[in-house]
Amino acid sequence: MKTDWKARVRGGQIRIEGKTIDVPDGMIQHWVGSMFIPGASIAQVKAVLQDYENYKNFYKPEVIESRQISRQGDEYDVFLRLYKKHVLTVVLNSNYHVRYNTPDPQHMFVISRSTRIAEVKDAGHPGTGEQPVGDDNGFLWRLNAYWRFEQADGGVYAECEAISLSRDLPPLIGWMIKGFVEKFPKESMQNTLRGTKAAVIGRLH
């Protein structure tokens, strides 16, 4: 993380920057967010990030169901049900493989890669089944996140880099959901950073 970013986030600011890249039959979004969690340690941040059962509480309203599927050491497989409303209401069942690397007590790196994303047929009733994977509206096809943490200056600096891929939008409704697709990754980044910071600080008191 650049020094000027550190000075700004240390004052309480959450910084988010990014861009959208059009590619054949799809759209890539690349966002980077950074923040400072005062009074926290790497171990305390790690404990929150690995509490997958409570993601539905940390990151509501965008996460409505969460659970850990399996674990091998510092590698996890998890399930998140994502909810987003922007003109349309969309619910996605998503699976991720997450790997943690803590080279020393002051640094931690986390890599999260989506392994499966399926759109729920009826957003109002998530248990009614899914649309075929790869044959849905294409809101979100892949989502990878890369976290970097540094313990310094009386807290933890956190930087999250997220890269998402949406498929080409259906011609008949593309005009209606383009705004949804463009806003979804940035708003999710904001929700993730704020939720993580609040959860860690909440456990300090």
N, C-alpha and C. Protein backbone atom coordinates (compact mmCIF):
# COMPACT_ATOMS: atom_id res chain seq x y z
N MET A 1 0.84 -1.18 0.00
CA MET A 1 0.00 0.00 0.00
C MET A 1 0.88 1.25 0.00
N LYS A 2 0.54 2.24 -0.80
CA LYS A 2 1.33 3.46 -0.89
C LYS A 2 1.21 4.26 0.41
N THR A 3 2.29 5.02 0.70
CA THR A 3 2.34 5.78 1.94
C THR A 3 1.21 6.80 2.04
N ASP A 4 0.89 7.51 0.93
CA ASP A 4 -0.17 8.52 1.00
C ASP A 4 -1.52 7.89 1.30
N TRP A 5 -1.76 6.67 0.82
CA TRP A 5 -2.99 5.96 1.14
C TRP A 5 -3.04 5.69 2.64
N LYS A 6 -1.91 5.30 3.19
CA LYS A 6 -1.88 4.98 4.62
C LYS A 6 -2.28 6.18 5.46
N ALA A 7 -1.75 7.34 5.11
CA ALA A 7 -2.08 8.54 5.87
C ALA A 7 -3.56 8.85 5.81
N ARG A 8 -4.17 8.66 4.66
CA ARG A 8 -5.60 8.97 4.50
C ARG A 8 -6.48 7.97 5.23
N VAL A 9 -6.20 6.69 5.08
CA VAL A 9 -7.07 5.70 5.73
C VAL A 9 -6.86 5.69 7.24
N ARG A 10 -5.68 6.09 7.69
CA ARG A 10 -5.43 6.14 9.14
C ARG A 10 -6.35 7.16 9.81
N GLY A 11 -6.79 8.14 9.05
CA GLY A 11 -7.73 9.13 9.58
C GLY A 11 -9.17 8.67 9.55
N GLY A 12 -9.42 7.44 9.12
CA GLY A 12 -10.78 6.89 9.13
C GLY A 12 -11.42 6.74 7.77
N GLN A 13 -10.77 7.23 6.73
CA GLN A 13 -11.34 7.15 5.38
C GLN A 13 -11.23 5.75 4.81
N ILE A 14 -12.26 5.33 4.11
CA ILE A 14 -12.20 4.09 3.32
C ILE A 14 -12.06 4.50 1.86
N ARG A 15 -10.99 4.06 1.23
CA ARG A 15 -10.70 4.46 -0.15
C ARG A 15 -11.04 3.32 -1.10
N ILE A 16 -11.73 3.66 -2.19
CA ILE A 16 -12.06 2.67 -3.21
C ILE A 16 -11.81 3.30 -4.58
N GLU A 17 -11.06 2.59 -5.40
CA GLU A 17 -10.77 3.03 -6.76
C GLU A 17 -10.91 1.83 -7.69
N GLY A 18 -11.32 2.09 -8.92
CA GLY A 18 -11.46 0.97 -9.83
C GLY A 18 -11.81 1.38 -11.23
N LYS A 19 -12.02 0.38 -12.06
CA LYS A 19 -12.36 0.62 -13.46
C LYS A 19 -13.10 -0.58 -14.03
N THR A 20 -13.81 -0.31 -15.11
CA THR A 20 -14.54 -1.35 -15.84
C THR A 20 -13.88 -1.55 -17.19
N ILE A 21 -13.70 -2.81 -17.57
CA ILE A 21 -13.05 -3.14 -18.83
C ILE A 21 -14.00 -3.99 -19.66
N ASP A 22 -14.39 -3.50 -20.83
CA ASP A 22 -15.22 -4.28 -21.73
C ASP A 22 -14.37 -5.28 -22.49
N VAL A 23 -14.81 -6.52 -22.51
CA VAL A 23 -14.12 -7.59 -23.24
C VAL A 23 -15.15 -8.30 -24.11
N PRO A 24 -14.74 -9.04 -25.11
CA PRO A 24 -15.70 -9.75 -25.95
C PRO A 24 -16.64 -10.63 -25.11
N ASP A 25 -17.93 -10.41 -25.25
CA ASP A 25 -18.96 -11.20 -24.57
C ASP A 25 -18.93 -11.06 -23.06
N GLY A 26 -18.36 -9.97 -22.55
CA GLY A 26 -18.34 -9.84 -21.10
C GLY A 26 -17.83 -8.50 -20.63
N MET A 27 -17.73 -8.38 -19.30
CA MET A 27 -17.27 -7.15 -18.66
C MET A 27 -16.43 -7.53 -17.44
N ILE A 28 -15.23 -6.96 -17.34
CA ILE A 28 -14.36 -7.17 -16.18
C ILE A 28 -14.36 -5.91 -15.34
N GLN A 29 -14.48 -6.08 -14.03
CA GLN A 29 -14.39 -4.95 -13.12
C GLN A 29 -13.24 -5.19 -12.14
N HIS A 30 -12.44 -4.15 -11.95
CA HIS A 30 -11.25 -4.25 -11.11
C HIS A 30 -11.31 -3.12 -10.07
N TRP A 31 -11.50 -3.49 -8.81
CA TRP A 31 -11.63 -2.51 -7.74
C TRP A 31 -10.60 -2.78 -6.65
N VAL A 32 -10.06 -1.70 -6.08
CA VAL A 32 -9.13 -1.81 -4.97
C VAL A 32 -9.62 -0.92 -3.84
N GLY A 33 -9.79 -1.49 -2.66
CA GLY A 33 -10.25 -0.74 -1.51
C GLY A 33 -9.25 -0.85 -0.37
N SER A 34 -9.12 0.20 0.42
CA SER A 34 -8.18 0.18 1.54
C SER A 34 -8.78 0.88 2.75
N MET A 35 -8.32 0.46 3.92
CA MET A 35 -8.83 1.04 5.17
C MET A 35 -7.83 0.75 6.28
N PHE A 36 -8.05 1.37 7.44
CA PHE A 36 -7.25 1.15 8.64
C PHE A 36 -8.18 0.76 9.77
N ILE A 37 -7.81 -0.29 10.51
CA ILE A 37 -8.61 -0.76 11.63
C ILE A 37 -7.83 -0.46 12.91
N PRO A 38 -8.16 0.63 13.60
CA PRO A 38 -7.38 1.02 14.77
C PRO A 38 -7.53 0.05 15.93
N GLY A 39 -6.42 -0.18 16.63
CA GLY A 39 -6.44 -1.02 17.82
C GLY A 39 -6.44 -2.51 17.56
N ALA A 40 -6.44 -2.91 16.29
CA ALA A 40 -6.55 -4.33 15.95
C ALA A 40 -5.19 -4.96 15.68
N SER A 41 -5.16 -6.28 15.77
CA SER A 41 -3.98 -7.06 15.42
C SER A 41 -4.31 -7.97 14.24
N ILE A 42 -3.29 -8.50 13.60
CA ILE A 42 -3.49 -9.45 12.50
C ILE A 42 -4.30 -10.66 12.99
N ALA A 43 -3.98 -11.14 14.18
CA ALA A 43 -4.69 -12.32 14.70
C ALA A 43 -6.18 -12.03 14.88
N GLN A 44 -6.52 -10.83 15.32
CA GLN A 44 -7.94 -10.48 15.51
C GLN A 44 -8.66 -10.35 14.17
N VAL A 45 -8.00 -9.78 13.19
CA VAL A 45 -8.60 -9.69 11.85
C VAL A 45 -8.80 -11.08 11.26
N LYS A 46 -7.82 -11.92 11.42
CA LYS A 46 -7.91 -13.28 10.89
C LYS A 46 -9.07 -14.04 11.52
N ALA A 47 -9.27 -13.86 12.81
CA ALA A 47 -10.36 -14.55 13.50
C ALA A 47 -11.71 -14.14 12.93
N VAL A 48 -11.89 -12.87 12.59
CA VAL A 48 -13.14 -12.42 12.00
C VAL A 48 -13.31 -12.98 10.59
N LEU A 49 -12.26 -12.91 9.78
CA LEU A 49 -12.36 -13.38 8.39
C LEU A 49 -12.66 -14.88 8.32
N GLN A 50 -12.19 -15.64 9.30
CA GLN A 50 -12.41 -17.08 9.28
C GLN A 50 -13.70 -17.50 9.98
N ASP A 51 -14.46 -16.55 10.47
CA ASP A 51 -15.74 -16.85 11.12
C ASP A 51 -16.84 -16.85 10.06
N TYR A 52 -16.82 -17.82 9.18
CA TYR A 52 -17.72 -17.81 8.01
C TYR A 52 -19.19 -17.95 8.39
N GLU A 53 -19.46 -18.61 9.48
CA GLU A 53 -20.86 -18.76 9.89
C GLU A 53 -21.51 -17.41 10.17
N ASN A 54 -20.71 -16.42 10.51
CA ASN A 54 -21.25 -15.11 10.85
C ASN A 54 -21.15 -14.09 9.72
N TYR A 55 -20.73 -14.50 8.55
CA TYR A 55 -20.67 -13.56 7.43
C TYR A 55 -22.05 -12.96 7.15
N LYS A 56 -23.08 -13.76 7.37
CA LYS A 56 -24.45 -13.25 7.12
C LYS A 56 -24.81 -12.13 8.09
N ASN A 57 -24.07 -12.04 9.21
CA ASN A 57 -24.26 -10.93 10.15
C ASN A 57 -23.29 -9.79 9.87
N PHE A 58 -22.04 -10.13 9.55
CA PHE A 58 -21.04 -9.10 9.28
C PHE A 58 -21.37 -8.29 8.03
N TYR A 59 -21.86 -8.99 7.00
CA TYR A 59 -21.98 -8.37 5.68
C TYR A 59 -23.41 -8.24 5.17
N LYS A 60 -24.37 -8.23 6.10
CA LYS A 60 -25.75 -8.01 5.68
C LYS A 60 -25.90 -6.57 5.20
N PRO A 61 -26.78 -6.28 4.27
CA PRO A 61 -27.81 -7.17 3.70
C PRO A 61 -27.35 -7.95 2.46
N GLU A 62 -26.06 -7.80 2.06
CA GLU A 62 -25.64 -8.43 0.80
C GLU A 62 -25.36 -9.92 0.95
N VAL A 63 -25.08 -10.38 2.16
CA VAL A 63 -24.91 -11.81 2.41
C VAL A 63 -26.06 -12.26 3.29
N ILE A 64 -26.88 -13.16 2.78
CA ILE A 64 -28.05 -13.59 3.54
C ILE A 64 -27.92 -15.01 4.07
N GLU A 65 -26.90 -15.73 3.63
CA GLU A 65 -26.62 -17.05 4.18
C GLU A 65 -25.14 -17.33 4.01
N SER A 66 -24.53 -17.96 5.00
CA SER A 66 -23.10 -18.23 4.92
C SER A 66 -22.76 -19.47 5.74
N ARG A 67 -21.78 -20.21 5.26
CA ARG A 67 -21.32 -21.37 6.03
C ARG A 67 -19.97 -21.87 5.51
N GLN A 68 -19.24 -22.48 6.41
CA GLN A 68 -17.99 -23.14 6.04
C GLN A 68 -18.31 -24.56 5.58
N ILE A 69 -17.78 -24.94 4.43
CA ILE A 69 -18.02 -26.29 3.90
C ILE A 69 -16.93 -27.25 4.35
N SER A 70 -15.68 -26.82 4.25
CA SER A 70 -14.57 -27.69 4.64
C SER A 70 -13.34 -26.84 4.96
N ARG A 71 -12.37 -27.50 5.63
CA ARG A 71 -11.13 -26.81 5.97
C ARG A 71 -9.98 -27.80 5.98
N GLN A 72 -8.85 -27.36 5.42
CA GLN A 72 -7.60 -28.10 5.52
C GLN A 72 -6.51 -27.09 5.87
N GLY A 73 -6.15 -27.05 7.14
CA GLY A 73 -5.16 -26.07 7.58
C GLY A 73 -5.69 -24.65 7.39
N ASP A 74 -4.96 -23.85 6.62
CA ASP A 74 -5.37 -22.48 6.35
C ASP A 74 -6.05 -22.33 5.00
N GLU A 75 -6.64 -23.41 4.51
CA GLU A 75 -7.42 -23.36 3.27
C GLU A 75 -8.86 -23.76 3.57
N TYR A 76 -9.79 -22.95 3.07
CA TYR A 76 -11.21 -23.12 3.38
C TYR A 76 -12.03 -23.18 2.09
N ASP A 77 -13.10 -23.94 2.15
CA ASP A 77 -14.14 -23.88 1.12
C ASP A 77 -15.40 -23.38 1.80
N VAL A 78 -16.01 -22.33 1.22
CA VAL A 78 -17.15 -21.69 1.89
C VAL A 78 -18.28 -21.44 0.89
N PHE A 79 -19.46 -21.27 1.46
CA PHE A 79 -20.66 -20.95 0.67
C PHE A 79 -21.23 -19.63 1.15
N LEU A 80 -21.56 -18.75 0.20
CA LEU A 80 -22.24 -17.50 0.50
C LEU A 80 -23.43 -17.33 -0.43
N ARG A 81 -24.56 -16.96 0.14
CA ARG A 81 -25.72 -16.59 -0.69
C ARG A 81 -25.78 -15.06 -0.71
N LEU A 82 -25.64 -14.50 -1.91
CA LEU A 82 -25.56 -13.06 -2.08
C LEU A 82 -26.90 -12.49 -2.53
N TYR A 83 -27.21 -11.33 -1.97
CA TYR A 83 -28.48 -10.66 -2.29
C TYR A 83 -28.18 -9.24 -2.74
N LYS A 84 -28.78 -8.84 -3.85
CA LYS A 84 -28.59 -7.47 -4.33
C LYS A 84 -29.85 -6.98 -5.00
N LYS A 85 -30.24 -5.74 -4.63
CA LYS A 85 -31.42 -5.13 -5.23
C LYS A 85 -31.05 -3.78 -5.80
N HIS A 86 -31.25 -3.61 -7.10
CA HIS A 86 -31.02 -2.35 -7.80
C HIS A 86 -31.92 -2.37 -9.03
N VAL A 87 -33.14 -1.88 -8.87
CA VAL A 87 -34.22 -2.06 -9.87
C VAL A 87 -34.64 -3.52 -9.86
N LEU A 88 -33.71 -4.40 -10.19
CA LEU A 88 -33.96 -5.84 -10.12
C LEU A 88 -33.50 -6.37 -8.77
N THR A 89 -34.04 -7.51 -8.37
CA THR A 89 -33.55 -8.22 -7.19
C THR A 89 -32.91 -9.52 -7.66
N VAL A 90 -31.68 -9.73 -7.23
CA VAL A 90 -30.92 -10.90 -7.67
C VAL A 90 -30.36 -11.63 -6.45
N VAL A 91 -30.46 -12.95 -6.46
CA VAL A 91 -29.86 -13.79 -5.41
C VAL A 91 -28.93 -14.79 -6.10
N LEU A 92 -27.71 -14.88 -5.60
CA LEU A 92 -26.71 -15.76 -6.17
C LEU A 92 -26.19 -16.72 -5.12
N ASN A 93 -26.13 -18.01 -5.45
CA ASN A 93 -25.46 -18.99 -4.62
C ASN A 93 -24.01 -19.08 -5.09
N SER A 94 -23.05 -18.83 -4.18
CA SER A 94 -21.66 -18.77 -4.61
C SER A 94 -20.76 -19.57 -3.67
N ASN A 95 -19.78 -20.25 -4.27
CA ASN A 95 -18.80 -21.02 -3.52
C ASN A 95 -17.41 -20.46 -3.78
N TYR A 96 -16.55 -20.53 -2.75
CA TYR A 96 -15.21 -19.96 -2.85
C TYR A 96 -14.19 -20.88 -2.19
N HIS A 97 -12.98 -20.85 -2.75
CA HIS A 97 -11.84 -21.49 -2.10
C HIS A 97 -10.95 -20.37 -1.59
N VAL A 98 -10.63 -20.39 -0.30
CA VAL A 98 -9.91 -19.29 0.33
C VAL A 98 -8.63 -19.83 0.97
N ARG A 99 -7.52 -19.15 0.69
CA ARG A 99 -6.23 -19.56 1.26
C ARG A 99 -5.61 -18.41 2.04
N TYR A 100 -5.14 -18.69 3.26
CA TYR A 100 -4.51 -17.70 4.13
C TYR A 100 -3.01 -17.95 4.18
N ASN A 101 -2.25 -16.86 4.19
CA ASN A 101 -0.80 -16.95 4.34
C ASN A 101 -0.37 -15.88 5.34
N THR A 102 0.20 -16.30 6.45
CA THR A 102 0.67 -15.38 7.48
C THR A 102 2.17 -15.57 7.63
N PRO A 103 2.99 -14.87 6.84
CA PRO A 103 4.45 -15.08 6.88
C PRO A 103 5.09 -14.66 8.20
N ASP A 104 4.48 -13.69 8.88
CA ASP A 104 4.98 -13.25 10.19
C ASP A 104 3.82 -12.60 10.92
N PRO A 105 3.97 -12.30 12.22
CA PRO A 105 2.84 -11.76 13.00
C PRO A 105 2.32 -10.40 12.51
N GLN A 106 3.08 -9.70 11.68
CA GLN A 106 2.68 -8.37 11.23
C GLN A 106 2.07 -8.35 9.83
N HIS A 107 2.04 -9.47 9.15
CA HIS A 107 1.54 -9.49 7.77
C HIS A 107 0.66 -10.71 7.51
N MET A 108 -0.35 -10.51 6.67
CA MET A 108 -1.21 -11.61 6.26
C MET A 108 -1.72 -11.34 4.84
N PHE A 109 -1.81 -12.42 4.07
CA PHE A 109 -2.34 -12.36 2.70
C PHE A 109 -3.44 -13.40 2.57
N VAL A 110 -4.53 -13.02 1.92
CA VAL A 110 -5.66 -13.92 1.75
C VAL A 110 -6.08 -13.90 0.28
N ILE A 111 -6.22 -15.07 -0.30
CA ILE A 111 -6.67 -15.20 -1.69
C ILE A 111 -7.99 -15.96 -1.69
N SER A 112 -9.02 -15.36 -2.26
CA SER A 112 -10.34 -15.99 -2.37
C SER A 112 -10.72 -16.08 -3.84
N ARG A 113 -11.01 -17.30 -4.31
CA ARG A 113 -11.38 -17.51 -5.70
C ARG A 113 -12.74 -18.20 -5.77
N SER A 114 -13.63 -17.65 -6.55
CA SER A 114 -14.93 -18.30 -6.72
C SER A 114 -14.75 -19.61 -7.48
N THR A 115 -15.47 -20.63 -7.05
CA THR A 115 -15.43 -21.93 -7.73
C THR A 115 -16.76 -22.28 -8.38
N ARG A 116 -17.83 -21.59 -7.93
CA ARG A 116 -19.14 -21.83 -8.52
C ARG A 116 -20.05 -20.65 -8.18
N ILE A 117 -20.75 -20.11 -9.18
CA ILE A 117 -21.73 -19.05 -8.95
C ILE A 117 -22.98 -19.38 -9.76
N ALA A 118 -24.12 -19.47 -9.08
CA ALA A 118 -25.38 -19.82 -9.74
C ALA A 118 -26.46 -18.83 -9.33
N GLU A 119 -27.23 -18.40 -10.30
CA GLU A 119 -28.32 -17.46 -10.03
C GLU A 119 -29.57 -18.23 -9.61
N VAL A 120 -30.19 -17.78 -8.52
CA VAL A 120 -31.41 -18.40 -8.02
C VAL A 120 -32.57 -18.02 -8.93
N LYS A 121 -33.44 -18.99 -9.23
CA LYS A 121 -34.55 -18.75 -10.16
C LYS A 121 -35.50 -17.67 -9.66
N ASP A 122 -35.90 -17.79 -8.40
CA ASP A 122 -36.87 -16.86 -7.83
C ASP A 122 -36.22 -16.17 -6.64
N ALA A 123 -35.83 -14.88 -6.82
CA ALA A 123 -35.11 -14.18 -5.77
C ALA A 123 -35.91 -14.08 -4.49
N GLY A 124 -37.22 -14.07 -4.59
CA GLY A 124 -38.06 -13.99 -3.41
C GLY A 124 -38.16 -15.28 -2.63
N HIS A 125 -37.79 -16.38 -3.28
CA HIS A 125 -37.83 -17.70 -2.64
C HIS A 125 -36.57 -18.46 -3.02
N PRO A 126 -35.43 -18.18 -2.33
CA PRO A 126 -34.14 -18.76 -2.72
C PRO A 126 -34.09 -20.29 -2.74
N GLY A 127 -35.04 -20.94 -2.06
CA GLY A 127 -35.01 -22.40 -2.03
C GLY A 127 -35.69 -23.06 -3.22
N THR A 128 -36.15 -22.26 -4.19
CA THR A 128 -36.90 -22.83 -5.32
C THR A 128 -36.01 -23.40 -6.41
N GLY A 129 -34.69 -23.28 -6.28
CA GLY A 129 -33.80 -23.84 -7.28
C GLY A 129 -33.00 -22.79 -8.02
N GLU A 130 -32.06 -23.26 -8.82
CA GLU A 130 -31.14 -22.38 -9.52
C GLU A 130 -31.34 -22.47 -11.03
N GLN A 131 -30.95 -21.40 -11.69
CA GLN A 131 -30.85 -21.47 -13.14
C GLN A 131 -29.58 -22.24 -13.48
N PRO A 132 -29.52 -22.86 -14.66
CA PRO A 132 -28.31 -23.62 -15.02
C PRO A 132 -27.08 -22.73 -14.99
N VAL A 133 -26.01 -23.22 -14.36
CA VAL A 133 -24.77 -22.46 -14.29
C VAL A 133 -24.26 -22.20 -15.71
N GLY A 134 -23.99 -20.92 -15.98
CA GLY A 134 -23.53 -20.55 -17.32
C GLY A 134 -24.64 -20.27 -18.30
N ASP A 135 -25.89 -20.45 -17.84
CA ASP A 135 -27.04 -20.19 -18.73
C ASP A 135 -28.08 -19.37 -17.96
N ASP A 136 -27.58 -18.25 -17.39
CA ASP A 136 -28.47 -17.37 -16.62
C ASP A 136 -28.34 -15.96 -17.18
N ASN A 137 -28.61 -14.96 -16.37
CA ASN A 137 -28.56 -13.57 -16.85
C ASN A 137 -27.15 -12.99 -16.89
N GLY A 138 -26.18 -13.71 -16.36
CA GLY A 138 -24.80 -13.27 -16.48
C GLY A 138 -24.39 -12.14 -15.56
N PHE A 139 -25.12 -11.92 -14.45
CA PHE A 139 -24.78 -10.83 -13.54
C PHE A 139 -23.37 -10.96 -12.98
N LEU A 140 -23.00 -12.17 -12.59
CA LEU A 140 -21.68 -12.41 -12.00
C LEU A 140 -21.25 -13.82 -12.36
N TRP A 141 -20.12 -13.93 -13.04
CA TRP A 141 -19.63 -15.23 -13.49
C TRP A 141 -18.46 -15.71 -12.63
N ARG A 142 -17.54 -14.79 -12.35
CA ARG A 142 -16.39 -15.11 -11.50
C ARG A 142 -16.11 -13.93 -10.58
N LEU A 143 -15.57 -14.23 -9.39
CA LEU A 143 -15.20 -13.18 -8.45
C LEU A 143 -14.00 -13.65 -7.64
N ASN A 144 -12.87 -12.98 -7.83
CA ASN A 144 -11.66 -13.27 -7.06
C ASN A 144 -11.30 -12.06 -6.21
N ALA A 145 -10.82 -12.31 -5.00
CA ALA A 145 -10.42 -11.23 -4.11
C ALA A 145 -9.05 -11.53 -3.52
N TYR A 146 -8.24 -10.48 -3.40
CA TYR A 146 -6.88 -10.61 -2.90
C TYR A 146 -6.68 -9.57 -1.78
N TRP A 147 -6.56 -10.07 -0.56
CA TRP A 147 -6.42 -9.21 0.61
C TRP A 147 -4.95 -9.12 1.02
N ARG A 148 -4.54 -7.92 1.45
CA ARG A 148 -3.21 -7.69 2.01
C ARG A 148 -3.37 -6.93 3.33
N PHE A 149 -2.77 -7.45 4.39
CA PHE A 149 -2.89 -6.83 5.70
C PHE A 149 -1.50 -6.56 6.28
N GLU A 150 -1.37 -5.42 6.96
CA GLU A 150 -0.13 -5.07 7.64
C GLU A 150 -0.46 -4.46 9.00
N GLN A 151 0.14 -5.03 10.04
CA GLN A 151 -0.06 -4.50 11.38
C GLN A 151 1.01 -3.46 11.66
N ALA A 152 0.58 -2.20 11.88
CA ALA A 152 1.52 -1.10 12.12
C ALA A 152 0.75 0.11 12.64
N ASP A 153 1.45 1.03 13.26
CA ASP A 153 0.86 2.31 13.70
C ASP A 153 -0.35 2.13 14.62
N GLY A 154 -0.32 1.08 15.43
CA GLY A 154 -1.39 0.88 16.39
C GLY A 154 -2.66 0.28 15.82
N GLY A 155 -2.55 -0.42 14.73
CA GLY A 155 -3.73 -1.06 14.13
C GLY A 155 -3.33 -1.89 12.93
N VAL A 156 -4.29 -2.15 12.06
CA VAL A 156 -4.05 -2.97 10.87
C VAL A 156 -4.49 -2.23 9.62
N TYR A 157 -3.57 -2.11 8.66
CA TYR A 157 -3.91 -1.60 7.34
C TYR A 157 -4.43 -2.76 6.50
N ALA A 158 -5.51 -2.55 5.79
CA ALA A 158 -6.10 -3.60 4.97
C ALA A 158 -6.32 -3.08 3.55
N GLU A 159 -5.94 -3.87 2.59
CA GLU A 159 -6.18 -3.53 1.19
C GLU A 159 -6.80 -4.75 0.51
N CYS A 160 -7.91 -4.53 -0.18
CA CYS A 160 -8.61 -5.62 -0.86
C CYS A 160 -8.69 -5.30 -2.35
N GLU A 161 -8.22 -6.21 -3.17
CA GLU A 161 -8.30 -6.07 -4.62
C GLU A 161 -9.27 -7.12 -5.14
N ALA A 162 -10.33 -6.69 -5.81
CA ALA A 162 -11.37 -7.61 -6.30
C ALA A 162 -11.47 -7.50 -7.81
N ILE A 163 -11.52 -8.66 -8.45
CA ILE A 163 -11.66 -8.73 -9.91
C ILE A 163 -12.87 -9.61 -10.21
N SER A 164 -13.85 -9.05 -10.91
CA SER A 164 -15.07 -9.80 -11.22
C SER A 164 -15.30 -9.83 -12.72
N LEU A 165 -15.99 -10.86 -13.15
CA LEU A 165 -16.32 -11.03 -14.56
C LEU A 165 -17.81 -11.26 -14.69
N SER A 166 -18.46 -10.45 -15.51
CA SER A 166 -19.87 -10.65 -15.85
C SER A 166 -19.94 -11.01 -17.33
N ARG A 167 -20.87 -11.88 -17.66
CA ARG A 167 -21.01 -12.26 -19.06
C ARG A 167 -21.78 -11.20 -19.83
N ASP A 168 -21.78 -11.32 -21.13
CA ASP A 168 -22.51 -10.40 -21.99
C ASP A 168 -23.98 -10.36 -21.57
N LEU A 169 -24.56 -9.18 -21.51
CA LEU A 169 -25.92 -9.03 -21.04
C LEU A 169 -26.94 -9.44 -22.09
N PRO A 170 -28.04 -10.08 -21.69
CA PRO A 170 -29.08 -10.47 -22.65
C PRO A 170 -29.61 -9.26 -23.39
N PRO A 171 -29.76 -9.31 -24.71
CA PRO A 171 -30.15 -8.14 -25.50
C PRO A 171 -31.47 -7.50 -25.05
N LEU A 172 -32.45 -8.29 -24.67
CA LEU A 172 -33.77 -7.74 -24.38
C LEU A 172 -33.82 -6.97 -23.05
N ILE A 173 -32.96 -7.34 -22.10
CA ILE A 173 -33.00 -6.66 -20.80
C ILE A 173 -31.65 -6.02 -20.46
N GLY A 174 -30.71 -6.06 -21.39
CA GLY A 174 -29.39 -5.53 -21.13
C GLY A 174 -29.40 -4.08 -20.69
N TRP A 175 -30.23 -3.26 -21.30
CA TRP A 175 -30.29 -1.84 -20.95
C TRP A 175 -30.73 -1.64 -19.51
N MET A 176 -31.55 -2.55 -19.00
CA MET A 176 -32.11 -2.42 -17.65
C MET A 176 -31.13 -2.87 -16.57
N ILE A 177 -30.31 -3.86 -16.88
CA ILE A 177 -29.45 -4.42 -15.84
C ILE A 177 -28.00 -3.95 -15.95
N LYS A 178 -27.70 -3.14 -16.96
CA LYS A 178 -26.32 -2.66 -17.09
C LYS A 178 -25.89 -1.88 -15.85
N GLY A 179 -26.77 -1.00 -15.35
CA GLY A 179 -26.46 -0.25 -14.14
C GLY A 179 -26.25 -1.16 -12.95
N PHE A 180 -27.04 -2.20 -12.86
CA PHE A 180 -26.91 -3.18 -11.78
C PHE A 180 -25.52 -3.81 -11.81
N VAL A 181 -25.14 -4.29 -12.99
CA VAL A 181 -23.86 -4.99 -13.14
C VAL A 181 -22.69 -4.05 -12.85
N GLU A 182 -22.81 -2.80 -13.27
CA GLU A 182 -21.72 -1.85 -13.07
C GLU A 182 -21.56 -1.45 -11.61
N LYS A 183 -22.66 -1.36 -10.85
CA LYS A 183 -22.61 -0.90 -9.47
C LYS A 183 -22.35 -2.02 -8.47
N PHE A 184 -22.71 -3.24 -8.83
CA PHE A 184 -22.65 -4.35 -7.90
C PHE A 184 -21.25 -4.55 -7.29
N PRO A 185 -20.17 -4.63 -8.09
CA PRO A 185 -18.85 -4.89 -7.48
C PRO A 185 -18.37 -3.78 -6.55
N LYS A 186 -18.57 -2.51 -6.94
CA LYS A 186 -18.12 -1.42 -6.09
C LYS A 186 -18.89 -1.37 -4.78
N GLU A 187 -20.21 -1.54 -4.85
CA GLU A 187 -21.01 -1.52 -3.64
C GLU A 187 -20.68 -2.71 -2.74
N SER A 188 -20.37 -3.85 -3.35
CA SER A 188 -19.98 -5.02 -2.56
C SER A 188 -18.65 -4.78 -1.86
N MET A 189 -17.72 -4.10 -2.55
CA MET A 189 -16.44 -3.76 -1.94
C MET A 189 -16.66 -2.86 -0.73
N GLN A 190 -17.50 -1.84 -0.86
CA GLN A 190 -17.79 -0.95 0.26
C GLN A 190 -18.39 -1.72 1.43
N ASN A 191 -19.33 -2.60 1.14
CA ASN A 191 -19.99 -3.37 2.19
C ASN A 191 -19.00 -4.31 2.88
N THR A 192 -18.09 -4.90 2.11
CA THR A 192 -17.11 -5.83 2.67
C THR A 192 -16.13 -5.10 3.59
N LEU A 193 -15.61 -3.96 3.14
CA LEU A 193 -14.66 -3.22 3.97
C LEU A 193 -15.31 -2.72 5.25
N ARG A 194 -16.48 -2.10 5.12
CA ARG A 194 -17.16 -1.58 6.31
C ARG A 194 -17.56 -2.69 7.27
N GLY A 195 -18.05 -3.80 6.70
CA GLY A 195 -18.46 -4.91 7.55
C GLY A 195 -17.30 -5.53 8.29
N THR A 196 -16.16 -5.69 7.61
CA THR A 196 -14.97 -6.26 8.25
C THR A 196 -14.48 -5.36 9.37
N LYS A 197 -14.38 -4.07 9.09
CA LYS A 197 -13.91 -3.12 10.09
C LYS A 197 -14.82 -3.11 11.31
N ALA A 198 -16.13 -3.07 11.08
CA ALA A 198 -17.08 -3.04 12.19
C ALA A 198 -17.01 -4.32 13.02
N ALA A 199 -16.86 -5.46 12.34
CA ALA A 199 -16.81 -6.74 13.07
C ALA A 199 -15.56 -6.84 13.94
N VAL A 200 -14.43 -6.41 13.39
CA VAL A 200 -13.19 -6.47 14.18
C VAL A 200 -13.27 -5.50 15.35
N ILE A 201 -13.67 -4.27 15.12
CA ILE A 201 -13.75 -3.28 16.20
C ILE A 201 -14.76 -3.72 17.26
N GLY A 202 -15.86 -4.34 16.81
CA GLY A 202 -16.87 -4.80 17.74
C GLY A 202 -16.35 -5.85 18.71
N ARG A 203 -15.35 -6.61 18.29
CA ARG A 203 -14.78 -7.64 19.15
C ARG A 203 -13.67 -7.10 20.05
N LEU A 204 -13.26 -5.88 19.82
CA LEU A 204 -12.22 -5.29 20.66
C LEU A 204 -12.77 -4.75 21.96
N HIS A 205 -14.09 -4.55 22.04
CA HIS A 205 -14.69 -3.92 23.22
C HIS A 205 -15.54 -4.93 24.00
